[in-house]
């Protein structure tokens, strides 16, 4: 089990310290929910985690295939539902992979990334839109 020390700093700012590494992240409430938007919001981190997890699993799968995907990038978009309770309604992940569209490992790499733990951990009511851009 990984543990995090979390703290409310005031002014809707919080911190989380990663137990194993000591790395610290800060959050702030978003502007549309009483915050100043000075850092990731907790829901921003949740949405970003999907794209980051997909890239991580993609990297693991690429190494197993003997493929270099260095320089792979992505953009993540998050939409919060308008109805109460507030929740993430949609996450869009747009991935740019530096391999040709007809790369022989493409299907295997996409399948691996789509099986990332965050993808399976998110509630099924969250719409997930994944776009693959093979740019090799």
C-alpha atoms as a PDB file:
ATOM      1  CA  UNK A   1       0.000   0.000   0.000  1.00  0.00           C
ATOM      2  CA  UNK A   2       1.215   3.493  -0.849  1.00  0.00           C
ATOM      3  CA  UNK A   3       0.386   6.246   1.624  1.00  0.00           C
ATOM      4  CA  UNK A   4       0.137  10.004   1.178  1.00  0.00           C
ATOM      5  CA  UNK A   5       0.175  12.690   3.852  1.00  0.00           C
ATOM      6  CA  UNK A   6      -2.469  15.262   2.972  1.00  0.00           C
ATOM      7  CA  UNK A   7      -3.000  18.692   4.474  1.00  0.00           C
ATOM      8  CA  UNK A   8      -5.462  21.569   4.163  1.00  0.00           C
ATOM      9  CA  UNK A   9      -3.348  24.729   4.008  1.00  0.00           C
ATOM     10  CA  UNK A  10      -6.237  27.231   4.041  1.00  0.00           C
ATOM     11  CA  UNK A  11      -7.684  29.325   1.250  1.00  0.00           C
ATOM     12  CA  UNK A  12      -8.887  26.120  -0.490  1.00  0.00           C
ATOM     13  CA  UNK A  13      -5.272  25.017  -1.017  1.00  0.00           C
ATOM     14  CA  UNK A  14      -4.182  21.491  -0.086  1.00  0.00           C
ATOM     15  CA  UNK A  15      -0.976  19.502  -0.349  1.00  0.00           C
ATOM     16  CA  UNK A  16      -0.259  15.816  -0.746  1.00  0.00           C
ATOM     17  CA  UNK A  17       3.119  14.286   0.070  1.00  0.00           C
ATOM     18  CA  UNK A  18       3.976  10.999  -1.600  1.00  0.00           C
ATOM     19  CA  UNK A  19       5.192   8.644   1.122  1.00  0.00           C
ATOM     20  CA  UNK A  20       7.810   6.667  -0.815  1.00  0.00           C
ATOM     21  CA  UNK A  21       9.464   9.603  -2.622  1.00  0.00           C
ATOM     22  CA  UNK A  22       8.581  12.649  -0.535  1.00  0.00           C
ATOM     23  CA  UNK A  23       7.369  14.479  -3.673  1.00  0.00           C
ATOM     24  CA  UNK A  24       4.708  17.084  -2.924  1.00  0.00           C
ATOM     25  CA  UNK A  25       1.830  18.288  -5.082  1.00  0.00           C
ATOM     26  CA  UNK A  26      -0.450  21.217  -4.389  1.00  0.00           C
ATOM     27  CA  UNK A  27      -4.091  21.664  -5.264  1.00  0.00           C
ATOM     28  CA  UNK A  28      -6.465  24.611  -5.358  1.00  0.00           C
ATOM     29  CA  UNK A  29     -10.190  24.757  -5.912  1.00  0.00           C
ATOM     30  CA  UNK A  30     -11.086  25.782  -9.456  1.00  0.00           C
ATOM     31  CA  UNK A  31     -12.340  29.289 -10.188  1.00  0.00           C
ATOM     32  CA  UNK A  32     -15.838  27.957 -10.915  1.00  0.00           C
ATOM     33  CA  UNK A  33     -15.974  26.404  -7.438  1.00  0.00           C
ATOM     34  CA  UNK A  34     -14.832  29.229  -5.133  1.00  0.00           C
ATOM     35  CA  UNK A  35     -11.090  28.823  -5.757  1.00  0.00           C
ATOM     36  CA  UNK A  36      -8.433  30.862  -7.475  1.00  0.00           C
ATOM     37  CA  UNK A  37      -7.337  28.135  -9.891  1.00  0.00           C
ATOM     38  CA  UNK A  38      -3.704  28.554  -8.841  1.00  0.00           C
ATOM     39  CA  UNK A  39      -2.901  24.839  -9.106  1.00  0.00           C
ATOM     40  CA  UNK A  40      -4.422  21.599 -10.275  1.00  0.00           C
ATOM     41  CA  UNK A  41      -7.805  20.938  -8.708  1.00  0.00           C
ATOM     42  CA  UNK A  42      -8.418  17.444  -7.339  1.00  0.00           C
ATOM     43  CA  UNK A  43     -10.607  16.645 -10.362  1.00  0.00           C
ATOM     44  CA  UNK A  44      -7.867  17.998 -12.670  1.00  0.00           C
ATOM     45  CA  UNK A  45      -5.471  15.486 -11.114  1.00  0.00           C
ATOM     46  CA  UNK A  46      -8.003  12.705 -11.585  1.00  0.00           C
ATOM     47  CA  UNK A  47      -8.441  13.531 -15.274  1.00  0.00           C
ATOM     48  CA  UNK A  48      -4.711  14.044 -15.881  1.00  0.00           C
ATOM     49  CA  UNK A  49      -4.071  10.705 -14.185  1.00  0.00           C
ATOM     50  CA  UNK A  50      -5.941   8.911 -16.952  1.00  0.00           C
ATOM     51  CA  UNK A  51      -3.656  10.317 -19.662  1.00  0.00           C
ATOM     52  CA  UNK A  52      -0.532   9.846 -17.572  1.00  0.00           C
ATOM     53  CA  UNK A  53      -1.439   6.264 -16.722  1.00  0.00           C
ATOM     54  CA  UNK A  54      -2.141   5.509 -20.383  1.00  0.00           C
ATOM     55  CA  UNK A  55       1.265   6.912 -21.408  1.00  0.00           C
ATOM     56  CA  UNK A  56       2.978   4.936 -18.627  1.00  0.00           C
ATOM     57  CA  UNK A  57       1.350   1.647 -19.612  1.00  0.00           C
ATOM     58  CA  UNK A  58       2.033   2.468 -23.262  1.00  0.00           C
ATOM     59  CA  UNK A  59       5.713   2.912 -22.364  1.00  0.00           C
ATOM     60  CA  UNK A  60       5.818  -0.437 -20.565  1.00  0.00           C
ATOM     61  CA  UNK A  61       4.183  -2.175 -23.522  1.00  0.00           C
ATOM     62  CA  UNK A  62       6.498  -0.418 -25.994  1.00  0.00           C
ATOM     63  CA  UNK A  63       9.565  -1.602 -24.075  1.00  0.00           C
ATOM     64  CA  UNK A  64       8.252  -5.179 -24.171  1.00  0.00           C
ATOM     65  CA  UNK A  65       7.812  -4.824 -27.939  1.00  0.00           C
ATOM     66  CA  UNK A  66      11.279  -3.303 -28.337  1.00  0.00           C
ATOM     67  CA  UNK A  67       9.764  -0.050 -29.590  1.00  0.00           C
ATOM     68  CA  UNK A  68      10.880   3.461 -28.638  1.00  0.00           C
ATOM     69  CA  UNK A  69       8.006   5.893 -28.045  1.00  0.00           C
ATOM     70  CA  UNK A  70      10.166   8.656 -26.555  1.00  0.00           C
ATOM     71  CA  UNK A  71       8.492  11.955 -27.268  1.00  0.00           C
ATOM     72  CA  UNK A  72       4.950  10.590 -27.048  1.00  0.00           C
ATOM     73  CA  UNK A  73       2.674  13.378 -25.827  1.00  0.00           C
ATOM     74  CA  UNK A  74      -0.922  14.023 -25.075  1.00  0.00           C
ATOM     75  CA  UNK A  75      -3.582  16.495 -24.087  1.00  0.00           C
ATOM     76  CA  UNK A  76      -6.276  15.808 -21.533  1.00  0.00           C
ATOM     77  CA  UNK A  77      -9.562  17.663 -21.302  1.00  0.00           C
ATOM     78  CA  UNK A  78     -11.982  17.497 -18.389  1.00  0.00           C
ATOM     79  CA  UNK A  79     -15.621  18.522 -18.268  1.00  0.00           C
ATOM     80  CA  UNK A  80     -17.544  18.761 -15.011  1.00  0.00           C
ATOM     81  CA  UNK A  81     -21.246  17.953 -15.170  1.00  0.00           C
ATOM     82  CA  UNK A  82     -23.661  20.841 -14.753  1.00  0.00           C
ATOM     83  CA  UNK A  83     -26.065  18.891 -12.545  1.00  0.00           C
ATOM     84  CA  UNK A  84     -25.521  18.240  -8.852  1.00  0.00           C
ATOM     85  CA  UNK A  85     -23.650  16.599  -7.358  1.00  0.00           C
ATOM     86  CA  UNK A  86     -20.626  18.036  -9.148  1.00  0.00           C
ATOM     87  CA  UNK A  87     -18.612  15.295 -10.788  1.00  0.00           C
ATOM     88  CA  UNK A  88     -16.403  14.672 -13.776  1.00  0.00           C
ATOM     89  CA  UNK A  89     -18.713  14.030 -16.700  1.00  0.00           C
ATOM     90  CA  UNK A  90     -16.202  13.599 -19.503  1.00  0.00           C
ATOM     91  CA  UNK A  91     -12.465  13.104 -19.944  1.00  0.00           C
ATOM     92  CA  UNK A  92     -10.884  13.468 -23.374  1.00  0.00           C
ATOM     93  CA  UNK A  93      -7.391  12.091 -23.981  1.00  0.00           C
ATOM     94  CA  UNK A  94      -5.648  12.969 -27.242  1.00  0.00           C
ATOM     95  CA  UNK A  95      -2.392  11.021 -27.623  1.00  0.00           C
ATOM     96  CA  UNK A  96       0.397  11.729 -30.125  1.00  0.00           C
ATOM     97  CA  UNK A  97       2.514   8.636 -30.673  1.00  0.00           C
ATOM     98  CA  UNK A  98       5.771   8.963 -32.676  1.00  0.00           C
ATOM     99  CA  UNK A  99       5.194   5.790 -34.692  1.00  0.00           C
ATOM    100  CA  UNK A 100       3.687   5.286 -38.128  1.00  0.00           C
ATOM    101  CA  UNK A 101      -0.044   4.542 -38.370  1.00  0.00           C
ATOM    102  CA  UNK A 102       0.741   1.126 -39.857  1.00  0.00           C
ATOM    103  CA  UNK A 103       3.274   0.150 -37.172  1.00  0.00           C
ATOM    104  CA  UNK A 104       3.020  -3.628 -36.525  1.00  0.00           C
ATOM    105  CA  UNK A 105       2.707  -3.102 -32.739  1.00  0.00           C
ATOM    106  CA  UNK A 106      -0.024  -0.462 -32.963  1.00  0.00           C
ATOM    107  CA  UNK A 107      -2.953  -2.689 -31.923  1.00  0.00           C
ATOM    108  CA  UNK A 108      -1.001  -4.239 -29.058  1.00  0.00           C
ATOM    109  CA  UNK A 109       0.114  -0.812 -27.784  1.00  0.00           C
ATOM    110  CA  UNK A 110      -3.374   0.686 -27.970  1.00  0.00           C
ATOM    111  CA  UNK A 111      -4.874  -2.322 -26.195  1.00  0.00           C
ATOM    112  CA  UNK A 112      -2.285  -2.057 -23.410  1.00  0.00           C
ATOM    113  CA  UNK A 113      -2.880   1.653 -22.874  1.00  0.00           C
ATOM    114  CA  UNK A 114      -6.652   1.169 -22.807  1.00  0.00           C
ATOM    115  CA  UNK A 115      -6.195  -1.359 -19.999  1.00  0.00           C
ATOM    116  CA  UNK A 116      -4.459   1.076 -17.650  1.00  0.00           C
ATOM    117  CA  UNK A 117      -5.524   0.895 -13.982  1.00  0.00           C
ATOM    118  CA  UNK A 118      -6.921   4.441 -13.926  1.00  0.00           C
ATOM    119  CA  UNK A 119      -9.186   3.690 -16.889  1.00  0.00           C
ATOM    120  CA  UNK A 120     -10.630   0.709 -15.017  1.00  0.00           C
ATOM    121  CA  UNK A 121     -10.868   2.671 -11.748  1.00  0.00           C
ATOM    122  CA  UNK A 122     -12.956   5.546 -13.093  1.00  0.00           C
ATOM    123  CA  UNK A 123     -16.727   5.329 -12.721  1.00  0.00           C
ATOM    124  CA  UNK A 124     -18.386   3.953 -15.871  1.00  0.00           C
ATOM    125  CA  UNK A 125     -20.676   7.011 -16.067  1.00  0.00           C
ATOM    126  CA  UNK A 126     -17.643   9.174 -16.891  1.00  0.00           C
ATOM    127  CA  UNK A 127     -17.486   9.477 -20.668  1.00  0.00           C
ATOM    128  CA  UNK A 128     -13.964   8.715 -21.871  1.00  0.00           C
ATOM    129  CA  UNK A 129     -13.002   9.860 -25.367  1.00  0.00           C
ATOM    130  CA  UNK A 130      -9.608   8.601 -26.524  1.00  0.00           C
ATOM    131  CA  UNK A 131      -8.029   9.873 -29.747  1.00  0.00           C
ATOM    132  CA  UNK A 132      -4.895   8.268 -31.177  1.00  0.00           C
ATOM    133  CA  UNK A 133      -2.579  10.279 -33.456  1.00  0.00           C
ATOM    134  CA  UNK A 134       0.115   8.045 -34.961  1.00  0.00           C
ATOM    135  CA  UNK A 135       2.666  10.493 -36.335  1.00  0.00           C
ATOM    136  CA  UNK A 136       5.733   8.475 -37.294  1.00  0.00           C
END
